[in-house]
C-alpha atoms as a PDB file:
ATOM      1  CA  MET A   1       3.804   4.030 -11.467  1.00  0.00           C
ATOM      2  CA  PHE A   2       2.551   0.734 -10.102  1.00  0.00           C
ATOM      3  CA  THR A   3      -0.344  -1.668 -10.537  1.00  0.00           C
ATOM      4  CA  GLY A   4      -1.102  -2.669  -7.030  1.00  0.00           C
ATOM      5  CA  ILE A   5      -0.085  -6.260  -7.714  1.00  0.00           C
ATOM      6  CA  VAL A   6       2.318  -7.231  -4.851  1.00  0.00           C
ATOM      7  CA  THR A   7       5.267  -9.173  -6.042  1.00  0.00           C
ATOM      8  CA  ASP A   8       7.148  -9.793  -2.741  1.00  0.00           C
ATOM      9  CA  ILE A   9       6.753  -9.628   0.962  1.00  0.00           C
ATOM     10  CA  GLY A  10       9.762  -7.825   2.337  1.00  0.00           C
ATOM     11  CA  THR A  11      10.839  -7.501   6.051  1.00  0.00           C
ATOM     12  CA  VAL A  12      12.082  -4.438   7.822  1.00  0.00           C
ATOM     13  CA  VAL A  13      15.531  -5.456   9.183  1.00  0.00           C
ATOM     14  CA  GLU A  14      16.874  -2.089  10.321  1.00  0.00           C
ATOM     15  CA  LEU A  15      15.493   1.244  11.170  1.00  0.00           C
ATOM     16  CA  GLU A  16      17.577   4.336  11.990  1.00  0.00           C
ATOM     17  CA  GLN A  17      16.561   8.006  12.541  1.00  0.00           C
ATOM     18  CA  ARG A  18      19.172  10.062  10.589  1.00  0.00           C
ATOM     19  CA  GLY A  19      17.364  13.374  10.274  1.00  0.00           C
ATOM     20  CA  ASP A  20      14.838  11.402   8.042  1.00  0.00           C
ATOM     21  CA  LEU A  21      13.927   7.796   8.804  1.00  0.00           C
ATOM     22  CA  ARG A  22      16.072   5.196   7.110  1.00  0.00           C
ATOM     23  CA  ALA A  23      14.903   1.628   6.729  1.00  0.00           C
ATOM     24  CA  ARG A  24      16.519  -1.430   5.349  1.00  0.00           C
ATOM     25  CA  ILE A  25      14.130  -3.920   3.737  1.00  0.00           C
ATOM     26  CA  GLN A  26      15.087  -7.508   3.115  1.00  0.00           C
ATOM     27  CA  THR A  27      13.711  -8.826  -0.074  1.00  0.00           C
ATOM     28  CA  ALA A  28      13.567 -11.938  -2.376  1.00  0.00           C
ATOM     29  CA  TYR A  29      14.107  -9.496  -5.367  1.00  0.00           C
ATOM     30  CA  ASP A  30      17.295 -10.034  -7.318  1.00  0.00           C
ATOM     31  CA  THR A  31      18.927  -6.786  -6.132  1.00  0.00           C
ATOM     32  CA  SER A  32      21.554  -6.903  -8.856  1.00  0.00           C
ATOM     33  CA  GLY A  33      18.647  -5.798 -11.214  1.00  0.00           C
ATOM     34  CA  ILE A  34      17.765  -2.776  -9.051  1.00  0.00           C
ATOM     35  CA  ASP A  35      19.397   0.586  -9.527  1.00  0.00           C
ATOM     36  CA  ILE A  36      20.103   3.222  -6.912  1.00  0.00           C
ATOM     37  CA  GLY A  37      17.350   5.736  -7.450  1.00  0.00           C
ATOM     38  CA  ALA A  38      14.818   3.063  -8.337  1.00  0.00           C
ATOM     39  CA  SER A  39      11.291   3.346  -7.023  1.00  0.00           C
ATOM     40  CA  ILE A  40       9.783   0.407  -5.111  1.00  0.00           C
ATOM     41  CA  ALA A  41       6.299   0.679  -3.534  1.00  0.00           C
ATOM     42  CA  SER A  42       6.681  -0.514   0.116  1.00  0.00           C
ATOM     43  CA  ASP A  43       3.280  -0.965   1.723  1.00  0.00           C
ATOM     44  CA  GLY A  44       2.005   1.217  -1.039  1.00  0.00           C
ATOM     45  CA  VAL A  45       4.404   4.164  -0.561  1.00  0.00           C
ATOM     46  CA  CYS A  46       6.733   4.921  -3.509  1.00  0.00           C
ATOM     47  CA  LEU A  47      10.132   5.016  -1.939  1.00  0.00           C
ATOM     48  CA  THR A  48      13.522   5.617  -3.565  1.00  0.00           C
ATOM     49  CA  VAL A  49      16.351   3.076  -3.258  1.00  0.00           C
ATOM     50  CA  ILE A  50      19.439   4.737  -1.778  1.00  0.00           C
ATOM     51  CA  ALA A  51      21.581   1.723  -1.019  1.00  0.00           C
ATOM     52  CA  LEU A  52      21.674  -2.002  -2.006  1.00  0.00           C
ATOM     53  CA  GLY A  53      23.072  -5.344  -0.683  1.00  0.00           C
ATOM     54  CA  GLU A  54      22.717  -8.863  -1.769  1.00  0.00           C
ATOM     55  CA  ASN A  55      19.121  -9.332  -0.439  1.00  0.00           C
ATOM     56  CA  TRP A  56      18.222  -5.934   0.839  1.00  0.00           C
ATOM     57  CA  TYR A  57      17.799  -2.302  -0.070  1.00  0.00           C
ATOM     58  CA  ASP A  58      17.662   0.927   1.979  1.00  0.00           C
ATOM     59  CA  VAL A  59      15.159   3.761   1.622  1.00  0.00           C
ATOM     60  CA  GLN A  60      14.979   7.100   3.215  1.00  0.00           C
ATOM     61  CA  ILE A  61      11.620   8.267   4.447  1.00  0.00           C
ATOM     62  CA  SER A  62      10.909  12.011   4.950  1.00  0.00           C
ATOM     63  CA  THR A  63       9.056  13.350   7.935  1.00  0.00           C
ATOM     64  CA  GLU A  64       6.224  14.310   5.606  1.00  0.00           C
ATOM     65  CA  THR A  65       5.828  10.753   4.427  1.00  0.00           C
ATOM     66  CA  VAL A  66       5.924   9.399   7.980  1.00  0.00           C
ATOM     67  CA  SER A  67       3.217  11.864   8.934  1.00  0.00           C
ATOM     68  CA  LYS A  68       0.834  10.858   6.063  1.00  0.00           C
ATOM     69  CA  THR A  69       1.286   7.087   6.117  1.00  0.00           C
ATOM     70  CA  ASN A  70       1.618   4.143   8.457  1.00  0.00           C
ATOM     71  CA  LEU A  71       5.399   3.848   8.056  1.00  0.00           C
ATOM     72  CA  GLY A  72       5.980   5.515  11.387  1.00  0.00           C
ATOM     73  CA  THR A  73       4.629   2.311  12.908  1.00  0.00           C
ATOM     74  CA  TRP A  74       7.221   0.056  11.231  1.00  0.00           C
ATOM     75  CA  LYS A  75       9.553  -1.776  13.572  1.00  0.00           C
ATOM     76  CA  VAL A  76      12.289  -4.418  12.945  1.00  0.00           C
ATOM     77  CA  GLY A  77      10.418  -7.534  11.812  1.00  0.00           C
ATOM     78  CA  THR A  78       7.484  -5.672  10.090  1.00  0.00           C
ATOM     79  CA  ARG A  79       6.457  -7.512   6.944  1.00  0.00           C
ATOM     80  CA  VAL A  80       5.888  -5.171   4.022  1.00  0.00           C
ATOM     81  CA  ASN A  81       4.072  -5.533   0.691  1.00  0.00           C
ATOM     82  CA  LEU A  82       6.514  -4.763  -2.127  1.00  0.00           C
ATOM     83  CA  GLU A  83       6.092  -3.945  -5.836  1.00  0.00           C
ATOM     84  CA  ARG A  84       8.713  -2.828  -8.358  1.00  0.00           C
ATOM     85  CA  ALA A  85       7.835   0.130 -10.647  1.00  0.00           C
ATOM     86  CA  LEU A  86       5.878  -0.675 -13.700  1.00  0.00           C
ATOM     87  CA  LYS A  87       7.813  -0.975 -17.056  1.00  0.00           C
ATOM     88  CA  VAL A  88       6.307  -0.128 -20.419  1.00  0.00           C
ATOM     89  CA  GLY A  89       4.798  -3.371 -21.766  1.00  0.00           C
ATOM     90  CA  ASP A  90       4.207  -4.912 -18.355  1.00  0.00           C
ATOM     91  CA  GLU A  91       0.756  -6.380 -17.759  1.00  0.00           C
ATOM     92  CA  LEU A  92      -1.469  -4.056 -15.857  1.00  0.00           C
ATOM     93  CA  GLY A  93      -3.165  -6.616 -13.574  1.00  0.00           C
ATOM     94  CA  GLY A  94      -4.589  -4.249 -10.998  1.00  0.00           C
ATOM     95  CA  HIS A  95      -5.172  -0.518 -11.516  1.00  0.00           C
ATOM     96  CA  ILE A  96      -3.006   2.443 -11.973  1.00  0.00           C
ATOM     97  CA  VAL A  97      -1.363   3.166  -8.556  1.00  0.00           C
ATOM     98  CA  SER A  98       1.017   6.121  -8.046  1.00  0.00           C
ATOM     99  CA  GLY A  99       2.454   5.244  -4.667  1.00  0.00           C
ATOM    100  CA  HIS A 100       1.343   8.567  -3.261  1.00  0.00           C
ATOM    101  CA  VAL A 101      -0.710   7.598  -0.270  1.00  0.00           C
ATOM    102  CA  ASP A 102      -3.697   9.916   0.471  1.00  0.00           C
ATOM    103  CA  GLY A 103      -4.261   8.957   4.045  1.00  0.00           C
ATOM    104  CA  VAL A 104      -4.607   6.131   6.530  1.00  0.00           C
ATOM    105  CA  ALA A 105      -7.642   4.014   7.035  1.00  0.00           C
ATOM    106  CA  GLU A 106      -8.359   1.894  10.161  1.00  0.00           C
ATOM    107  CA  VAL A 107      -9.482  -1.663  10.223  1.00  0.00           C
ATOM    108  CA  VAL A 108     -12.638  -1.736  12.169  1.00  0.00           C
ATOM    109  CA  SER A 109     -13.750  -5.435  11.627  1.00  0.00           C
ATOM    110  CA  VAL A 110     -12.374  -8.712  10.315  1.00  0.00           C
ATOM    111  CA  ALA A 111     -14.676 -11.684   9.653  1.00  0.00           C
ATOM    112  CA  ASP A 112     -14.167 -14.974   7.831  1.00  0.00           C
ATOM    113  CA  GLU A 113     -16.766 -15.639   5.128  1.00  0.00           C
ATOM    114  CA  GLY A 114     -16.176 -19.071   3.660  1.00  0.00           C
ATOM    115  CA  ASP A 115     -12.553 -19.240   2.687  1.00  0.00           C
ATOM    116  CA  SER A 116     -12.299 -15.491   2.241  1.00  0.00           C
ATOM    117  CA  THR A 117     -11.996 -12.744   4.806  1.00  0.00           C
ATOM    118  CA  ARG A 118     -14.265  -9.655   4.878  1.00  0.00           C
ATOM    119  CA  VAL A 119     -12.394  -6.648   6.221  1.00  0.00           C
ATOM    120  CA  THR A 120     -14.192  -3.347   6.933  1.00  0.00           C
ATOM    121  CA  LEU A 121     -12.115  -0.250   7.005  1.00  0.00           C
ATOM    122  CA  ARG A 122     -12.913   3.322   8.108  1.00  0.00           C
ATOM    123  CA  ALA A 123     -11.490   5.977   5.728  1.00  0.00           C
ATOM    124  CA  PRO A 124     -10.704   9.576   6.809  1.00  0.00           C
ATOM    125  CA  SER A 125     -13.823  11.639   6.233  1.00  0.00           C
ATOM    126  CA  ASP A 126     -12.171  13.823   3.562  1.00  0.00           C
ATOM    127  CA  LEU A 127     -11.345  10.715   1.472  1.00  0.00           C
ATOM    128  CA  ALA A 128     -14.536   8.674   1.965  1.00  0.00           C
ATOM    129  CA  ARG A 129     -16.380  10.501  -0.943  1.00  0.00           C
ATOM    130  CA  PHE A 130     -13.812   9.078  -3.431  1.00  0.00           C
ATOM    131  CA  ILE A 131     -14.579   5.441  -2.527  1.00  0.00           C
ATOM    132  CA  ALA A 132     -17.398   3.771  -4.372  1.00  0.00           C
ATOM    133  CA  PRO A 133     -18.882   0.263  -4.498  1.00  0.00           C
ATOM    134  CA  LYS A 134     -17.031  -1.809  -7.204  1.00  0.00           C
ATOM    135  CA  GLY A 135     -14.470   0.980  -7.469  1.00  0.00           C
ATOM    136  CA  SER A 136     -10.697   0.387  -6.882  1.00  0.00           C
ATOM    137  CA  VAL A 137      -8.506   1.383  -4.010  1.00  0.00           C
ATOM    138  CA  ALA A 138      -4.916   0.611  -3.101  1.00  0.00           C
ATOM    139  CA  LEU A 139      -4.530  -0.556   0.467  1.00  0.00           C
ATOM    140  CA  ASN A 140      -0.910  -1.129   1.741  1.00  0.00           C
ATOM    141  CA  GLY A 141       0.005  -1.222  -1.966  1.00  0.00           C
ATOM    142  CA  THR A 142      -2.568  -3.908  -2.943  1.00  0.00           C
ATOM    143  CA  SER A 143      -5.047  -3.127  -5.696  1.00  0.00           C
ATOM    144  CA  LEU A 144      -8.445  -4.092  -4.404  1.00  0.00           C
ATOM    145  CA  THR A 145     -12.118  -3.830  -5.356  1.00  0.00           C
ATOM    146  CA  VAL A 146     -14.497  -2.146  -2.919  1.00  0.00           C
ATOM    147  CA  ASN A 147     -17.444  -4.343  -2.154  1.00  0.00           C
ATOM    148  CA  ASP A 148     -19.707  -1.885  -0.254  1.00  0.00           C
ATOM    149  CA  VAL A 149     -19.639   1.609   1.310  1.00  0.00           C
ATOM    150  CA  SER A 150     -21.563   2.966   4.272  1.00  0.00           C
ATOM    151  CA  GLY A 151     -20.487   6.493   5.302  1.00  0.00           C
ATOM    152  CA  CYS A 152     -16.815   6.383   5.924  1.00  0.00           C
ATOM    153  CA  ASP A 153     -16.760   2.595   6.181  1.00  0.00           C
ATOM    154  CA  PHE A 154     -16.019   0.320   3.242  1.00  0.00           C
ATOM    155  CA  GLY A 155     -15.688  -3.358   2.844  1.00  0.00           C
ATOM    156  CA  ILE A 156     -13.095  -5.549   1.040  1.00  0.00           C
ATOM    157  CA  ASN A 157     -13.093  -9.351   0.618  1.00  0.00           C
ATOM    158  CA  PHE A 158      -9.680 -11.046   0.626  1.00  0.00           C
ATOM    159  CA  ILE A 159      -9.461 -14.450  -1.167  1.00  0.00           C
ATOM    160  CA  PRO A 160      -7.032 -17.044   0.152  1.00  0.00           C
ATOM    161  CA  HIS A 161      -4.514 -16.276  -2.645  1.00  0.00           C
ATOM    162  CA  THR A 162      -4.289 -12.602  -1.730  1.00  0.00           C
ATOM    163  CA  LYS A 163      -3.838 -13.463   1.976  1.00  0.00           C
ATOM    164  CA  GLU A 164      -0.950 -15.816   1.157  1.00  0.00           C
ATOM    165  CA  VAL A 165       1.082 -13.555  -1.302  1.00  0.00           C
ATOM    166  CA  THR A 166       0.583 -10.276   0.680  1.00  0.00           C
ATOM    167  CA  THR A 167       0.542  -9.260   4.296  1.00  0.00           C
ATOM    168  CA  TRP A 168      -3.281  -9.312   4.326  1.00  0.00           C
ATOM    169  CA  GLY A 169      -3.201 -12.727   6.035  1.00  0.00           C
ATOM    170  CA  ASP A 170      -1.983 -11.041   9.144  1.00  0.00           C
ATOM    171  CA  VAL A 171      -4.745  -8.187   9.292  1.00  0.00           C
ATOM    172  CA  LYS A 172      -6.330  -7.420  12.595  1.00  0.00           C
ATOM    173  CA  VAL A 173      -8.732  -4.810  14.067  1.00  0.00           C
ATOM    174  CA  GLY A 174      -7.089  -1.516  14.804  1.00  0.00           C
ATOM    175  CA  ASP A 175      -4.406  -1.843  12.105  1.00  0.00           C
ATOM    176  CA  GLN A 176      -3.673   1.452  10.352  1.00  0.00           C
ATOM    177  CA  ILE A 177      -3.582   0.950   6.491  1.00  0.00           C
ATOM    178  CA  ASN A 178      -2.074   3.118   3.841  1.00  0.00           C
ATOM    179  CA  LEU A 179      -4.928   4.194   1.568  1.00  0.00           C
ATOM    180  CA  GLU A 180      -4.489   5.476  -2.040  1.00  0.00           C
ATOM    181  CA  ILE A 181      -7.720   6.390  -3.687  1.00  0.00           C
ATOM    182  CA  ASP A 182      -8.334   5.697  -7.403  1.00  0.00           C
ATOM    183  CA  THR A 183      -6.740   8.297  -9.653  1.00  0.00           C
ATOM    184  CA  LEU A 184      -9.888   8.484 -11.848  1.00  0.00           C
ATOM    185  CA  ALA A 185     -12.154   9.109  -8.855  1.00  0.00           C
ATOM    186  CA  ARG A 186      -9.850  11.955  -7.736  1.00  0.00           C
ATOM    187  CA  TYR A 187     -10.079  13.685 -11.181  1.00  0.00           C
ATOM    188  CA  VAL A 188     -13.861  13.045 -11.581  1.00  0.00           C
ATOM    189  CA  ALA A 189     -14.393  14.671  -8.180  1.00  0.00           C
ATOM    190  CA  ARG A 190     -12.205  17.595  -9.082  1.00  0.00           C
ATOM    191  CA  LEU A 191     -14.013  18.155 -12.422  1.00  0.00           C
ATOM    192  CA  ALA A 192     -17.360  18.117 -10.459  1.00  0.00           C
ATOM    193  CA  GLU A 193     -16.035  20.801  -8.064  1.00  0.00           C
ATOM    194  CA  VAL A 194     -15.074  23.224 -10.836  1.00  0.00           C
ATOM    195  CA  SER A 195     -18.094  22.691 -12.994  1.00  0.00           C
END
């Protein structure tokens, strides 16, 4: 489990296709405190650490994960939002995030509004019904509040702090973004279906 509060920006430094995709991510985390088998959300995708070095960790990414996320677009030099797994007693500053991406949204507009940036994204039609104004979503692993919704499009405002401590300062039209809908929205919709 994660909170959607990004705690480091990593960099993809190696990619290799070995049956599955293997990635090496450079990090500022103290890797001596990371165990093999630990989960780290990397752009919102819960990935398992399979090897460690002084300032890096390796993950293995299945074909299924590549097909459901934007990880197939990673290249050497890609900056990645990182979050270590939630520990009992940690502050829950965002919302409950599983690291199980539901689909990929597309950035359709980016506009500065004062010091903030308004980003409009288009969700896949089968996921749009789970996104509500003032509800939560996780986008590339960042817990965010939805400002408005119009059909499959929804808007998010990014304050300067968020743009500085995540990769959202680099966002541009056409970017493919990992989308995890709010867990509560998923269960409420499922209950409505079976009622």
